[in-house]
Amino acid sequence: MPRHEDKYISKLLFGFGAIIAAVMLLFFVGVERMQDNDDWYWWGMADAALFCTGIYFIASACIHKMKSDIVRKQKMRNIQKSSDVE
């Protein structure tokens, strides 16, 4: 089972990749496809979906980062408690 640290890094990379792809798609649609007035709705929906997916992955990565920090702090507390008892 992957650790929260590993999930943080992978989801952060997927999130930034999706946002970068959304921006590149927006530039592509703006430069190449603006001549077709009826076609841009579909490209806009695809771009919005890609951008929202990127935001979702980044938010999910932040949650995994917080979970990772909580697990690390709990381990440190347990180690400190066990050393204080002895």
C-alpha atoms as a PDB file:
ATOM      1  CA  MET A   1       0.000   0.000   0.000  1.00  0.00           C
ATOM      2  CA  PRO A   2       1.519   3.326  -0.992  1.00  0.00           C
ATOM      3  CA  ARG A   3       2.333   5.778   1.746  1.00  0.00           C
ATOM      4  CA  HIS A   4       0.740   9.193   1.944  1.00  0.00           C
ATOM      5  CA  GLU A   5       4.067  10.797   0.996  1.00  0.00           C
ATOM      6  CA  ASP A   6       4.123   8.825  -2.261  1.00  0.00           C
ATOM      7  CA  LYS A   7       0.498   9.692  -3.013  1.00  0.00           C
ATOM      8  CA  TYR A   8       1.262  13.357  -2.305  1.00  0.00           C
ATOM      9  CA  ILE A   9       4.019  13.512  -4.879  1.00  0.00           C
ATOM     10  CA  SER A  10       2.189  11.555  -7.586  1.00  0.00           C
ATOM     11  CA  LYS A  11      -1.088  13.460  -7.204  1.00  0.00           C
ATOM     12  CA  LEU A  12       0.717  16.787  -7.121  1.00  0.00           C
ATOM     13  CA  LEU A  13       2.492  15.937 -10.375  1.00  0.00           C
ATOM     14  CA  PHE A  14      -0.748  14.758 -12.013  1.00  0.00           C
ATOM     15  CA  GLY A  15      -2.499  17.930 -10.837  1.00  0.00           C
ATOM     16  CA  PHE A  16       0.116  20.295 -12.189  1.00  0.00           C
ATOM     17  CA  GLY A  17       0.298  18.261 -15.394  1.00  0.00           C
ATOM     18  CA  ALA A  18      -3.451  18.534 -15.896  1.00  0.00           C
ATOM     19  CA  ILE A  19      -3.443  22.284 -15.270  1.00  0.00           C
ATOM     20  CA  ILE A  20      -0.536  22.792 -17.665  1.00  0.00           C
ATOM     21  CA  ALA A  21      -2.336  20.663 -20.266  1.00  0.00           C
ATOM     22  CA  ALA A  22      -5.495  22.746 -19.760  1.00  0.00           C
ATOM     23  CA  VAL A  23      -3.585  25.972 -20.346  1.00  0.00           C
ATOM     24  CA  MET A  24      -1.913  24.529 -23.447  1.00  0.00           C
ATOM     25  CA  LEU A  25      -5.307  23.356 -24.733  1.00  0.00           C
ATOM     26  CA  LEU A  26      -6.687  26.832 -24.146  1.00  0.00           C
ATOM     27  CA  PHE A  27      -3.859  28.355 -26.195  1.00  0.00           C
ATOM     28  CA  PHE A  28      -4.386  25.737 -28.916  1.00  0.00           C
ATOM     29  CA  VAL A  29      -8.098  26.481 -29.106  1.00  0.00           C
ATOM     30  CA  GLY A  30      -7.442  30.221 -29.105  1.00  0.00           C
ATOM     31  CA  VAL A  31      -4.925  30.095 -31.914  1.00  0.00           C
ATOM     32  CA  GLU A  32      -6.067  27.194 -34.083  1.00  0.00           C
ATOM     33  CA  ARG A  33      -9.793  26.807 -33.583  1.00  0.00           C
ATOM     34  CA  MET A  34     -11.234  30.308 -33.112  1.00  0.00           C
ATOM     35  CA  GLN A  35     -12.196  30.496 -36.790  1.00  0.00           C
ATOM     36  CA  ASP A  36     -14.943  27.911 -36.173  1.00  0.00           C
ATOM     37  CA  ASN A  37     -17.453  29.739 -34.005  1.00  0.00           C
ATOM     38  CA  ASP A  38     -19.559  26.644 -33.231  1.00  0.00           C
ATOM     39  CA  ASP A  39     -16.648  24.410 -32.278  1.00  0.00           C
ATOM     40  CA  TRP A  40     -15.280  26.312 -29.319  1.00  0.00           C
ATOM     41  CA  TYR A  41     -18.021  25.221 -26.859  1.00  0.00           C
ATOM     42  CA  TRP A  42     -16.805  21.633 -26.879  1.00  0.00           C
ATOM     43  CA  TRP A  43     -13.187  22.703 -26.535  1.00  0.00           C
ATOM     44  CA  GLY A  44     -14.164  24.983 -23.654  1.00  0.00           C
ATOM     45  CA  MET A  45     -15.923  22.152 -21.838  1.00  0.00           C
ATOM     46  CA  ALA A  46     -12.941  19.850 -22.360  1.00  0.00           C
ATOM     47  CA  ASP A  47     -10.592  22.541 -21.100  1.00  0.00           C
ATOM     48  CA  ALA A  48     -12.752  23.231 -18.044  1.00  0.00           C
ATOM     49  CA  ALA A  49     -12.936  19.525 -17.218  1.00  0.00           C
ATOM     50  CA  LEU A  50      -9.161  19.193 -17.516  1.00  0.00           C
ATOM     51  CA  PHE A  51      -8.569  22.262 -15.368  1.00  0.00           C
ATOM     52  CA  CYS A  52     -11.002  21.070 -12.665  1.00  0.00           C
ATOM     53  CA  THR A  53      -9.351  17.650 -12.690  1.00  0.00           C
ATOM     54  CA  GLY A  54      -5.998  19.336 -12.059  1.00  0.00           C
ATOM     55  CA  ILE A  55      -7.424  21.325  -9.157  1.00  0.00           C
ATOM     56  CA  TYR A  56      -8.961  18.135  -7.730  1.00  0.00           C
ATOM     57  CA  PHE A  57      -5.616  16.312  -7.856  1.00  0.00           C
ATOM     58  CA  ILE A  58      -3.788  19.221  -6.223  1.00  0.00           C
ATOM     59  CA  ALA A  59      -6.392  19.425  -3.439  1.00  0.00           C
ATOM     60  CA  SER A  60      -6.150  15.668  -2.948  1.00  0.00           C
ATOM     61  CA  ALA A  61      -2.358  15.964  -2.797  1.00  0.00           C
ATOM     62  CA  CYS A  62      -2.641  18.613  -0.068  1.00  0.00           C
ATOM     63  CA  ILE A  63      -4.863  16.290   1.957  1.00  0.00           C
ATOM     64  CA  HIS A  64      -2.325  13.469   1.616  1.00  0.00           C
ATOM     65  CA  LYS A  65       0.423  15.864   2.697  1.00  0.00           C
ATOM     66  CA  MET A  66      -1.518  16.742   5.844  1.00  0.00           C
ATOM     67  CA  LYS A  67      -2.129  13.047   6.549  1.00  0.00           C
ATOM     68  CA  SER A  68       1.561  12.333   6.060  1.00  0.00           C
ATOM     69  CA  ASP A  69       2.503  15.093   8.504  1.00  0.00           C
ATOM     70  CA  ILE A  70      -0.001  13.830  11.081  1.00  0.00           C
ATOM     71  CA  VAL A  71       1.323  10.258  10.816  1.00  0.00           C
ATOM     72  CA  ARG A  72       4.921  11.488  11.146  1.00  0.00           C
ATOM     73  CA  LYS A  73       4.100  13.604  14.204  1.00  0.00           C
ATOM     74  CA  GLN A  74       2.233  10.718  15.814  1.00  0.00           C
ATOM     75  CA  LYS A  75       5.230   8.428  15.296  1.00  0.00           C
ATOM     76  CA  MET A  76       7.506  11.040  16.869  1.00  0.00           C
ATOM     77  CA  ARG A  77       5.159  11.354  19.871  1.00  0.00           C
ATOM     78  CA  ASN A  78       5.084   7.576  20.323  1.00  0.00           C
ATOM     79  CA  ILE A  79       8.867   7.388  20.175  1.00  0.00           C
ATOM     80  CA  GLN A  80       9.184  10.241  22.660  1.00  0.00           C
ATOM     81  CA  LYS A  81       6.637   8.666  25.039  1.00  0.00           C
ATOM     82  CA  SER A  82       8.373   5.308  24.924  1.00  0.00           C
ATOM     83  CA  SER A  83      11.748   6.907  25.649  1.00  0.00           C
ATOM     84  CA  ASP A  84      10.271   8.923  28.560  1.00  0.00           C
ATOM     85  CA  VAL A  85       8.762   5.808  30.151  1.00  0.00           C
ATOM     86  CA  GLU A  86      12.060   3.957  30.221  1.00  0.00           C
END
